[in-house]
Amino acid sequence: MPLGLDLPRSIPMDASRMDLRVARDVINDHTGRCIRAFSAGYGDIFILEAELRAILQGFGLARRMGLVDLWIETDSTLAVHCILRGGGPWVIQSILRRIRYLLSFD
């Protein structure tokens, strides 16, 4: 089946590795087939910040690929809470603003 841009994509995010703060993520199509994979090292930062950076990076990559109907998956309830309801330490506020900006187009 050809890949259409109006079908949901899944981006599972996980940046919670305690030792390296590394995000290893994939962008899948609606059938679960991998479209693109990426990874990033964030250095010595808080886990919440790493989770949010991974979400922002995956979201930005999907947008640059022209993907518009996205489903973002994360195992961080705190990250979801901060995105949807605000709050959190000051170091994540600029990341949250950028994520919300990208979400405002949906």
PDB file of N, CA and C in Angstrom:
ATOM      1  N   MET A   1       0.847  -1.184   0.000  1.00  0.00           N
ATOM      2  CA  MET A   1       0.000   0.000   0.000  1.00  0.00           C
ATOM      3  C   MET A   1       0.883   1.234   0.000  1.00  0.00           C
ATOM      4  N   PRO A   2       0.653   2.195  -0.891  1.00  0.00           N
ATOM      5  CA  PRO A   2       1.473   3.394  -0.912  1.00  0.00           C
ATOM      6  C   PRO A   2       1.258   4.215   0.361  1.00  0.00           C
ATOM      7  N   LEU A   3       2.308   4.877   0.758  1.00  0.00           N
ATOM      8  CA  LEU A   3       2.272   5.688   1.963  1.00  0.00           C
ATOM      9  C   LEU A   3       1.606   7.018   1.660  1.00  0.00           C
ATOM     10  N   GLY A   4       0.454   7.278   2.258  1.00  0.00           N
ATOM     11  CA  GLY A   4      -0.234   8.552   2.094  1.00  0.00           C
ATOM     12  C   GLY A   4       0.068   9.467   3.269  1.00  0.00           C
ATOM     13  N   LEU A   5       0.133  10.740   3.042  1.00  0.00           N
ATOM     14  CA  LEU A   5       0.487  11.677   4.099  1.00  0.00           C
ATOM     15  C   LEU A   5      -0.654  11.962   5.051  1.00  0.00           C
ATOM     16  N   ASP A   6      -1.857  11.497   4.774  1.00  0.00           N
ATOM     17  CA  ASP A   6      -2.975  11.783   5.657  1.00  0.00           C
ATOM     18  C   ASP A   6      -3.240  10.650   6.655  1.00  0.00           C
ATOM     19  N   LEU A   7      -2.404   9.621   6.691  1.00  0.00           N
ATOM     20  CA  LEU A   7      -2.598   8.510   7.613  1.00  0.00           C
ATOM     21  C   LEU A   7      -1.800   8.745   8.889  1.00  0.00           C
ATOM     22  N   PRO A   8      -2.282   8.262  10.025  1.00  0.00           N
ATOM     23  CA  PRO A   8      -1.576   8.493  11.287  1.00  0.00           C
ATOM     24  C   PRO A   8      -0.200   7.849  11.301  1.00  0.00           C
ATOM     25  N   ARG A   9       0.734   8.519  11.912  1.00  0.00           N
ATOM     26  CA  ARG A   9       2.080   7.991  12.128  1.00  0.00           C
ATOM     27  C   ARG A   9       2.284   7.835  13.616  1.00  0.00           C
ATOM     28  N   SER A  10       3.089   6.892  13.998  1.00  0.00           N
ATOM     29  CA  SER A  10       3.392   6.651  15.400  1.00  0.00           C
ATOM     30  C   SER A  10       4.849   7.000  15.641  1.00  0.00           C
ATOM     31  N   ILE A  11       5.107   7.800  16.669  1.00  0.00           N
ATOM     32  CA  ILE A  11       6.470   8.158  17.034  1.00  0.00           C
ATOM     33  C   ILE A  11       6.674   7.784  18.495  1.00  0.00           C
ATOM     34  N   PRO A  12       7.163   6.570  18.783  1.00  0.00           N
ATOM     35  CA  PRO A  12       7.406   6.219  20.177  1.00  0.00           C
ATOM     36  C   PRO A  12       8.668   6.902  20.684  1.00  0.00           C
ATOM     37  N   MET A  13       8.542   7.631  21.762  1.00  0.00           N
ATOM     38  CA  MET A  13       9.665   8.388  22.312  1.00  0.00           C
ATOM     39  C   MET A  13      10.166   7.742  23.589  1.00  0.00           C
ATOM     40  N   ASP A  14      11.469   7.625  23.740  1.00  0.00           N
ATOM     41  CA  ASP A  14      12.040   7.125  24.981  1.00  0.00           C
ATOM     42  C   ASP A  14      13.428   7.704  25.156  1.00  0.00           C
ATOM     43  N   ALA A  15      13.561   8.605  26.089  1.00  0.00           N
ATOM     44  CA  ALA A  15      14.851   9.221  26.366  1.00  0.00           C
ATOM     45  C   ALA A  15      15.245   8.997  27.815  1.00  0.00           C
ATOM     46  N   SER A  16      14.758   7.953  28.423  1.00  0.00           N
ATOM     47  CA  SER A  16      14.922   7.802  29.859  1.00  0.00           C
ATOM     48  C   SER A  16      16.074   6.897  30.278  1.00  0.00           C
ATOM     49  N   ARG A  17      16.970   6.564  29.376  1.00  0.00           N
ATOM     50  CA  ARG A  17      18.110   5.747  29.784  1.00  0.00           C
ATOM     51  C   ARG A  17      18.938   6.529  30.794  1.00  0.00           C
ATOM     52  N   MET A  18      19.073   5.997  31.974  1.00  0.00           N
ATOM     53  CA  MET A  18      19.720   6.712  33.069  1.00  0.00           C
ATOM     54  C   MET A  18      21.191   6.984  32.801  1.00  0.00           C
ATOM     55  N   ASP A  19      21.881   6.100  32.084  1.00  0.00           N
ATOM     56  CA  ASP A  19      23.319   6.220  31.950  1.00  0.00           C
ATOM     57  C   ASP A  19      23.754   7.249  30.917  1.00  0.00           C
ATOM     58  N   LEU A  20      23.048   7.377  29.803  1.00  0.00           N
ATOM     59  CA  LEU A  20      23.530   8.209  28.712  1.00  0.00           C
ATOM     60  C   LEU A  20      22.598   9.340  28.309  1.00  0.00           C
ATOM     61  N   ARG A  21      21.352   9.324  28.719  1.00  0.00           N
ATOM     62  CA  ARG A  21      20.343  10.282  28.256  1.00  0.00           C
ATOM     63  C   ARG A  21      20.317  10.278  26.737  1.00  0.00           C
ATOM     64  N   VAL A  22      20.047   9.114  26.196  1.00  0.00           N
ATOM     65  CA  VAL A  22      20.021   8.905  24.755  1.00  0.00           C
ATOM     66  C   VAL A  22      18.590   8.636  24.326  1.00  0.00           C
ATOM     67  N   ALA A  23      18.178   9.283  23.261  1.00  0.00           N
ATOM     68  CA  ALA A  23      16.865   9.010  22.676  1.00  0.00           C
ATOM     69  C   ALA A  23      17.071   8.157  21.440  1.00  0.00           C
ATOM     70  N   ARG A  24      16.343   7.068  21.374  1.00  0.00           N
ATOM     71  CA  ARG A  24      16.317   6.217  20.179  1.00  0.00           C
ATOM     72  C   ARG A  24      14.861   6.115  19.767  1.00  0.00           C
ATOM     73  N   ASP A  25      14.540   6.690  18.649  1.00  0.00           N
ATOM     74  CA  ASP A  25      13.147   6.807  18.259  1.00  0.00           C
ATOM     75  C   ASP A  25      12.944   6.377  16.816  1.00  0.00           C
ATOM     76  N   VAL A  26      11.720   6.015  16.515  1.00  0.00           N
ATOM     77  CA  VAL A  26      11.353   5.658  15.145  1.00  0.00           C
ATOM     78  C   VAL A  26      10.052   6.350  14.785  1.00  0.00           C
ATOM     79  N   ILE A  27       9.893   6.605  13.516  1.00  0.00           N
ATOM     80  CA  ILE A  27       8.632   7.106  12.988  1.00  0.00           C
ATOM     81  C   ILE A  27       8.058   5.976  12.141  1.00  0.00           C
ATOM     82  N   ASN A  28       6.884   5.499  12.527  1.00  0.00           N
ATOM     83  CA  ASN A  28       6.218   4.398  11.832  1.00  0.00           C
ATOM     84  C   ASN A  28       5.012   4.911  11.070  1.00  0.00           C
ATOM     85  N   ASP A  29       4.639   4.182  10.012  1.00  0.00           N
ATOM     86  CA  ASP A  29       3.391   4.513   9.338  1.00  0.00           C
ATOM     87  C   ASP A  29       2.233   3.841  10.070  1.00  0.00           C
ATOM     88  N   HIS A  30       1.037   3.947   9.546  1.00  0.00           N
ATOM     89  CA  HIS A  30      -0.152   3.426  10.213  1.00  0.00           C
ATOM     90  C   HIS A  30      -0.153   1.913  10.353  1.00  0.00           C
ATOM     91  N   THR A  31       0.699   1.219   9.601  1.00  0.00           N
ATOM     92  CA  THR A  31       0.776  -0.239   9.717  1.00  0.00           C
ATOM     93  C   THR A  31       1.886  -0.688  10.658  1.00  0.00           C
ATOM     94  N   GLY A  32       2.668   0.252  11.169  1.00  0.00           N
ATOM     95  CA  GLY A  32       3.783  -0.088  12.046  1.00  0.00           C
ATOM     96  C   GLY A  32       5.112  -0.221  11.329  1.00  0.00           C
ATOM     97  N   ARG A  33       5.123  -0.004  10.024  1.00  0.00           N
ATOM     98  CA  ARG A  33       6.356  -0.079   9.235  1.00  0.00           C
ATOM     99  C   ARG A  33       7.218   1.154   9.508  1.00  0.00           C
ATOM    100  N   CYS A  34       8.500   0.935   9.744  1.00  0.00           N
ATOM    101  CA  CYS A  34       9.425   2.032  10.054  1.00  0.00           C
ATOM    102  C   CYS A  34       9.631   2.909   8.821  1.00  0.00           C
ATOM    103  N   ILE A  35       9.411   4.208   8.997  1.00  0.00           N
ATOM    104  CA  ILE A  35       9.655   5.180   7.941  1.00  0.00           C
ATOM    105  C   ILE A  35      11.038   5.804   8.127  1.00  0.00           C
ATOM    106  N   ARG A  36      11.348   6.154   9.364  1.00  0.00           N
ATOM    107  CA  ARG A  36      12.627   6.791   9.676  1.00  0.00           C
ATOM    108  C   ARG A  36      12.967   6.489  11.126  1.00  0.00           C
ATOM    109  N   ALA A  37      14.235   6.278  11.406  1.00  0.00           N
ATOM    110  CA  ALA A  37      14.715   6.085  12.771  1.00  0.00           C
ATOM    111  C   ALA A  37      15.787   7.136  13.041  1.00  0.00           C
ATOM    112  N   PHE A  38      15.891   7.544  14.289  1.00  0.00           N
ATOM    113  CA  PHE A  38      16.917   8.511  14.648  1.00  0.00           C
ATOM    114  C   PHE A  38      17.309   8.319  16.099  1.00  0.00           C
ATOM    115  N   SER A  39      18.461   8.857  16.448  1.00  0.00           N
ATOM    116  CA  SER A  39      18.902   8.826  17.836  1.00  0.00           C
ATOM    117  C   SER A  39      19.659  10.111  18.128  1.00  0.00           C
ATOM    118  N   ALA A  40      19.718  10.442  19.395  1.00  0.00           N
ATOM    119  CA  ALA A  40      20.424  11.650  19.816  1.00  0.00           C
ATOM    120  C   ALA A  40      20.916  11.458  21.233  1.00  0.00           C
ATOM    121  N   GLY A  41      22.079  11.982  21.515  1.00  0.00           N
ATOM    122  CA  GLY A  41      22.607  11.998  22.870  1.00  0.00           C
ATOM    123  C   GLY A  41      22.451  13.391  23.452  1.00  0.00           C
ATOM    124  N   TYR A  42      21.956  13.483  24.661  1.00  0.00           N
ATOM    125  CA  TYR A  42      21.675  14.783  25.266  1.00  0.00           C
ATOM    126  C   TYR A  42      22.634  15.148  26.387  1.00  0.00           C
ATOM    127  N   GLY A  43      23.533  14.265  26.730  1.00  0.00           N
ATOM    128  CA  GLY A  43      24.485  14.577  27.784  1.00  0.00           C
ATOM    129  C   GLY A  43      23.854  14.487  29.163  1.00  0.00           C
ATOM    130  N   ASP A  44      24.388  15.239  30.078  1.00  0.00           N
ATOM    131  CA  ASP A  44      23.984  15.182  31.477  1.00  0.00           C
ATOM    132  C   ASP A  44      22.853  16.182  31.743  1.00  0.00           C
ATOM    133  N   ILE A  45      21.614  15.757  31.479  1.00  0.00           N
ATOM    134  CA  ILE A  45      20.452  16.599  31.733  1.00  0.00           C
ATOM    135  C   ILE A  45      19.415  15.773  32.489  1.00  0.00           C
ATOM    136  N   PHE A  46      18.409  16.438  33.025  1.00  0.00           N
ATOM    137  CA  PHE A  46      17.330  15.749  33.719  1.00  0.00           C
ATOM    138  C   PHE A  46      16.568  14.854  32.747  1.00  0.00           C
ATOM    139  N   ILE A  47      16.056  13.747  33.247  1.00  0.00           N
ATOM    140  CA  ILE A  47      15.333  12.791  32.404  1.00  0.00           C
ATOM    141  C   ILE A  47      14.125  13.455  31.747  1.00  0.00           C
ATOM    142  N   LEU A  48      13.387  14.283  32.500  1.00  0.00           N
ATOM    143  CA  LEU A  48      12.220  14.959  31.925  1.00  0.00           C
ATOM    144  C   LEU A  48      12.634  15.827  30.739  1.00  0.00           C
ATOM    145  N   GLU A  49      13.727  16.539  30.879  1.00  0.00           N
ATOM    146  CA  GLU A  49      14.197  17.376  29.773  1.00  0.00           C
ATOM    147  C   GLU A  49      14.572  16.511  28.569  1.00  0.00           C
ATOM    148  N   ALA A  50      15.215  15.369  28.803  1.00  0.00           N
ATOM    149  CA  ALA A  50      15.578  14.465  27.711  1.00  0.00           C
ATOM    150  C   ALA A  50      14.327  13.927  27.017  1.00  0.00           C
ATOM    151  N   GLU A  51      13.312  13.559  27.804  1.00  0.00           N
ATOM    152  CA  GLU A  51      12.052  13.081  27.221  1.00  0.00           C
ATOM    153  C   GLU A  51      11.434  14.153  26.326  1.00  0.00           C
ATOM    154  N   LEU A  52      11.384  15.380  26.812  1.00  0.00           N
ATOM    155  CA  LEU A  52      10.768  16.462  26.039  1.00  0.00           C
ATOM    156  C   LEU A  52      11.591  16.807  24.806  1.00  0.00           C
ATOM    157  N   ARG A  53      12.911  16.776  24.923  1.00  0.00           N
ATOM    158  CA  ARG A  53      13.761  17.026  23.751  1.00  0.00           C
ATOM    159  C   ARG A  53      13.543  15.957  22.682  1.00  0.00           C
ATOM    160  N   ALA A  54      13.377  14.700  23.121  1.00  0.00           N
ATOM    161  CA  ALA A  54      13.127  13.609  22.172  1.00  0.00           C
ATOM    162  C   ALA A  54      11.792  13.815  21.460  1.00  0.00           C
ATOM    163  N   ILE A  55      10.776  14.221  22.204  1.00  0.00           N
ATOM    164  CA  ILE A  55       9.470  14.498  21.603  1.00  0.00           C
ATOM    165  C   ILE A  55       9.588  15.636  20.596  1.00  0.00           C
ATOM    166  N   LEU A  56      10.262  16.711  20.978  1.00  0.00           N
ATOM    167  CA  LEU A  56      10.430  17.856  20.087  1.00  0.00           C
ATOM    168  C   LEU A  56      11.202  17.464  18.833  1.00  0.00           C
ATOM    169  N   GLN A  57      12.277  16.707  19.005  1.00  0.00           N
ATOM    170  CA  GLN A  57      13.080  16.303  17.857  1.00  0.00           C
ATOM    171  C   GLN A  57      12.282  15.402  16.919  1.00  0.00           C
ATOM    172  N   GLY A  58      11.564  14.437  17.461  1.00  0.00           N
ATOM    173  CA  GLY A  58      10.761  13.549  16.625  1.00  0.00           C
ATOM    174  C   GLY A  58       9.636  14.284  15.924  1.00  0.00           C
ATOM    175  N   PHE A  59       9.003  15.191  16.644  1.00  0.00           N
ATOM    176  CA  PHE A  59       7.914  15.977  16.075  1.00  0.00           C
ATOM    177  C   PHE A  59       8.427  16.864  14.942  1.00  0.00           C
ATOM    178  N   GLY A  60       9.555  17.520  15.185  1.00  0.00           N
ATOM    179  CA  GLY A  60      10.148  18.374  14.153  1.00  0.00           C
ATOM    180  C   GLY A  60      10.564  17.596  12.923  1.00  0.00           C
ATOM    181  N   LEU A  61      11.154  16.420  13.130  1.00  0.00           N
ATOM    182  CA  LEU A  61      11.553  15.582  12.007  1.00  0.00           C
ATOM    183  C   LEU A  61      10.344  15.153  11.186  1.00  0.00           C
ATOM    184  N   ALA A  62       9.288  14.737  11.861  1.00  0.00           N
ATOM    185  CA  ALA A  62       8.068  14.321  11.158  1.00  0.00           C
ATOM    186  C   ALA A  62       7.506  15.480  10.338  1.00  0.00           C
ATOM    187  N   ARG A  63       7.494  16.660  10.904  1.00  0.00           N
ATOM    188  CA  ARG A  63       6.982  17.834  10.177  1.00  0.00           C
ATOM    189  C   ARG A  63       7.827  18.132   8.944  1.00  0.00           C
ATOM    190  N   ARG A  64       9.169  18.054   9.108  1.00  0.00           N
ATOM    191  CA  ARG A  64      10.050  18.311   7.968  1.00  0.00           C
ATOM    192  C   ARG A  64       9.866  17.262   6.873  1.00  0.00           C
ATOM    193  N   MET A  65       9.437  16.064   7.251  1.00  0.00           N
ATOM    194  CA  MET A  65       9.156  15.010   6.268  1.00  0.00           C
ATOM    195  C   MET A  65       7.796  15.206   5.611  1.00  0.00           C
ATOM    196  N   GLY A  66       7.041  16.191   6.073  1.00  0.00           N
ATOM    197  CA  GLY A  66       5.728  16.458   5.496  1.00  0.00           C
ATOM    198  C   GLY A  66       4.610  15.652   6.120  1.00  0.00           C
ATOM    199  N   LEU A  67       4.887  15.012   7.243  1.00  0.00           N
ATOM    200  CA  LEU A  67       3.865  14.214   7.922  1.00  0.00           C
ATOM    201  C   LEU A  67       3.014  15.132   8.779  1.00  0.00           C
ATOM    202  N   VAL A  68       1.707  15.035   8.640  1.00  0.00           N
ATOM    203  CA  VAL A  68       0.831  15.971   9.340  1.00  0.00           C
ATOM    204  C   VAL A  68      -0.075  15.314  10.375  1.00  0.00           C
ATOM    205  N   ASP A  69      -0.459  14.087  10.184  1.00  0.00           N
ATOM    206  CA  ASP A  69      -1.361  13.406  11.109  1.00  0.00           C
ATOM    207  C   ASP A  69      -0.517  12.491  11.988  1.00  0.00           C
ATOM    208  N   LEU A  70      -0.163  12.963  13.194  1.00  0.00           N
ATOM    209  CA  LEU A  70       0.809  12.268  14.038  1.00  0.00           C
ATOM    210  C   LEU A  70       0.184  11.734  15.318  1.00  0.00           C
ATOM    211  N   TRP A  71       0.720  10.631  15.780  1.00  0.00           N
ATOM    212  CA  TRP A  71       0.385  10.042  17.072  1.00  0.00           C
ATOM    213  C   TRP A  71       1.717   9.894  17.785  1.00  0.00           C
ATOM    214  N   ILE A  72       1.905  10.627  18.876  1.00  0.00           N
ATOM    215  CA  ILE A  72       3.178  10.595  19.596  1.00  0.00           C
ATOM    216  C   ILE A  72       3.014   9.724  20.828  1.00  0.00           C
ATOM    217  N   GLU A  73       3.918   8.762  20.991  1.00  0.00           N
ATOM    218  CA  GLU A  73       3.879   7.860  22.130  1.00  0.00           C
ATOM    219  C   GLU A  73       5.093   8.114  23.025  1.00  0.00           C
ATOM    220  N   THR A  74       4.853   8.139  24.333  1.00  0.00           N
ATOM    221  CA  THR A  74       5.925   8.261  25.314  1.00  0.00           C
ATOM    222  C   THR A  74       5.522   7.502  26.556  1.00  0.00           C
ATOM    223  N   ASP A  75       6.510   7.052  27.303  1.00  0.00           N
ATOM    224  CA  ASP A  75       6.211   6.373  28.565  1.00  0.00           C
ATOM    225  C   ASP A  75       6.286   7.343  29.742  1.00  0.00           C
ATOM    226  N   SER A  76       6.439   8.625  29.464  1.00  0.00           N
ATOM    227  CA  SER A  76       6.578   9.625  30.514  1.00  0.00           C
ATOM    228  C   SER A  76       5.263  10.374  30.744  1.00  0.00           C
ATOM    229  N   THR A  77       4.544   9.976  31.777  1.00  0.00           N
ATOM    230  CA  THR A  77       3.310  10.665  32.143  1.00  0.00           C
ATOM    231  C   THR A  77       3.596  12.118  32.517  1.00  0.00           C
ATOM    232  N   LEU A  78       4.733  12.353  33.159  1.00  0.00           N
ATOM    233  CA  LEU A  78       5.089  13.715  33.556  1.00  0.00           C
ATOM    234  C   LEU A  78       5.305  14.604  32.333  1.00  0.00           C
ATOM    235  N   ALA A  79       5.945  14.081  31.299  1.00  0.00           N
ATOM    236  CA  ALA A  79       6.152  14.864  30.081  1.00  0.00           C
ATOM    237  C   ALA A  79       4.811  15.233  29.446  1.00  0.00           C
ATOM    238  N   VAL A  80       3.903  14.282  29.373  1.00  0.00           N
ATOM    239  CA  VAL A  80       2.572  14.549  28.815  1.00  0.00           C
ATOM    240  C   VAL A  80       1.855  15.603  29.653  1.00  0.00           C
ATOM    241  N   HIS A  81       1.917  15.459  30.970  1.00  0.00           N
ATOM    242  CA  HIS A  81       1.279  16.430  31.867  1.00  0.00           C
ATOM    243  C   HIS A  81       1.843  17.834  31.634  1.00  0.00           C
ATOM    244  N   CYS A  82       3.159  17.956  31.538  1.00  0.00           N
ATOM    245  CA  CYS A  82       3.772  19.268  31.335  1.00  0.00           C
ATOM    246  C   CYS A  82       3.362  19.880  29.999  1.00  0.00           C
ATOM    247  N   ILE A  83       3.270  19.058  28.961  1.00  0.00           N
ATOM    248  CA  ILE A  83       2.865  19.564  27.645  1.00  0.00           C
ATOM    249  C   ILE A  83       1.413  20.037  27.680  1.00  0.00           C
ATOM    250  N   LEU A  84       0.537  19.235  28.259  1.00  0.00           N
ATOM    251  CA  LEU A  84      -0.891  19.545  28.215  1.00  0.00           C
ATOM    252  C   LEU A  84      -1.328  20.562  29.260  1.00  0.00           C
ATOM    253  N   ARG A  85      -0.709  20.533  30.432  1.00  0.00           N
ATOM    254  CA  ARG A  85      -1.192  21.372  31.536  1.00  0.00           C
ATOM    255  C   ARG A  85      -0.199  22.412  32.020  1.00  0.00           C
ATOM    256  N   GLY A  86       1.013  22.390  31.489  1.00  0.00           N
ATOM    257  CA  GLY A  86       2.013  23.367  31.918  1.00  0.00           C
ATOM    258  C   GLY A  86       2.731  22.917  33.171  1.00  0.00           C
ATOM    259  N   GLY A  87       3.501  23.823  33.704  1.00  0.00           N
ATOM    260  CA  GLY A  87       4.268  23.528  34.899  1.00  0.00           C
ATOM    261  C   GLY A  87       5.628  22.962  34.565  1.00  0.00           C
ATOM    262  N   GLY A  88       6.320  22.531  35.606  1.00  0.00           N
ATOM    263  CA  GLY A  88       7.648  21.976  35.425  1.00  0.00           C
ATOM    264  C   GLY A  88       8.725  23.018  35.677  1.00  0.00           C
ATOM    265  N   PRO A  89       9.968  22.566  35.800  1.00  0.00           N
ATOM    266  CA  PRO A  89      11.071  23.484  36.080  1.00  0.00           C
ATOM    267  C   PRO A  89      11.339  24.431  34.915  1.00  0.00           C
ATOM    268  N   TRP A  90      12.011  25.531  35.210  1.00  0.00           N
ATOM    269  CA  TRP A  90      12.237  26.566  34.198  1.00  0.00           C
ATOM    270  C   TRP A  90      13.072  26.053  33.030  1.00  0.00           C
ATOM    271  N   VAL A  91      13.944  25.060  33.255  1.00  0.00           N
ATOM    272  CA  VAL A  91      14.836  24.599  32.184  1.00  0.00           C
ATOM    273  C   VAL A  91      14.072  23.940  31.030  1.00  0.00           C
ATOM    274  N   ILE A  92      12.832  23.533  31.255  1.00  0.00           N
ATOM    275  CA  ILE A  92      12.069  22.884  30.176  1.00  0.00           C
ATOM    276  C   ILE A  92      11.054  23.820  29.526  1.00  0.00           C
ATOM    277  N   GLN A  93      10.907  25.026  30.018  1.00  0.00           N
ATOM    278  CA  GLN A  93       9.845  25.905  29.526  1.00  0.00           C
ATOM    279  C   GLN A  93      10.002  26.262  28.050  1.00  0.00           C
ATOM    280  N   SER A  94      11.222  26.495  27.580  1.00  0.00           N
ATOM    281  CA  SER A  94      11.390  26.825  26.156  1.00  0.00           C
ATOM    282  C   SER A  94      11.086  25.618  25.280  1.00  0.00           C
ATOM    283  N   ILE A  95      11.418  24.415  25.753  1.00  0.00           N
ATOM    284  CA  ILE A  95      11.095  23.198  24.999  1.00  0.00           C
ATOM    285  C   ILE A  95       9.583  23.032  24.929  1.00  0.00           C
ATOM    286  N   LEU A  96       8.911  23.236  26.068  1.00  0.00           N
ATOM    287  CA  LEU A  96       7.457  23.126  26.099  1.00  0.00           C
ATOM    288  C   LEU A  96       6.799  24.127  25.150  1.00  0.00           C
ATOM    289  N   ARG A  97       7.314  25.356  25.108  1.00  0.00           N
ATOM    290  CA  ARG A  97       6.756  26.367  24.201  1.00  0.00           C
ATOM    291  C   ARG A  97       6.891  25.924  22.744  1.00  0.00           C
ATOM    292  N   ARG A  98       8.035  25.343  22.383  1.00  0.00           N
ATOM    293  CA  ARG A  98       8.245  24.897  21.007  1.00  0.00           C
ATOM    294  C   ARG A  98       7.339  23.709  20.669  1.00  0.00           C
ATOM    295  N   ILE A  99       7.174  22.785  21.605  1.00  0.00           N
ATOM    296  CA  ILE A  99       6.274  21.646  21.366  1.00  0.00           C
ATOM    297  C   ILE A  99       4.846  22.148  21.193  1.00  0.00           C
ATOM    298  N   ARG A 100       4.406  23.053  22.075  1.00  0.00           N
ATOM    299  CA  ARG A 100       3.040  23.584  21.969  1.00  0.00           C
ATOM    300  C   ARG A 100       2.839  24.358  20.673  1.00  0.00           C
ATOM    301  N   TYR A 101       3.876  25.060  20.225  1.00  0.00           N
ATOM    302  CA  TYR A 101       3.796  25.776  18.955  1.00  0.00           C
ATOM    303  C   TYR A 101       3.549  24.806  17.812  1.00  0.00           C
ATOM    304  N   LEU A 102       4.297  23.704  17.784  1.00  0.00           N
ATOM    305  CA  LEU A 102       4.103  22.700  16.741  1.00  0.00           C
ATOM    306  C   LEU A 102       2.722  22.044  16.852  1.00  0.00           C
ATOM    307  N   LEU A 103       2.258  21.813  18.078  1.00  0.00           N
ATOM    308  CA  LEU A 103       0.945  21.228  18.283  1.00  0.00           C
ATOM    309  C   LEU A 103      -0.181  22.175  17.865  1.00  0.00           C
ATOM    310  N   SER A 104       0.076  23.460  17.887  1.00  0.00           N
ATOM    311  CA  SER A 104      -0.989  24.431  17.576  1.00  0.00           C
ATOM    312  C   SER A 104      -1.419  24.352  16.110  1.00  0.00           C
ATOM    313  N   PHE A 105      -0.645  23.685  15.266  1.00  0.00           N
ATOM    314  CA  PHE A 105      -1.022  23.531  13.864  1.00  0.00           C
ATOM    315  C   PHE A 105      -1.982  22.379  13.645  1.00  0.00           C
ATOM    316  N   ASP A 106      -2.192  21.547  14.671  1.00  0.00           N
ATOM    317  CA  ASP A 106      -3.068  20.376  14.532  1.00  0.00           C
ATOM    318  C   ASP A 106      -4.480  20.697  14.980  1.00  0.00           C
TER     319      ASP A 106
END
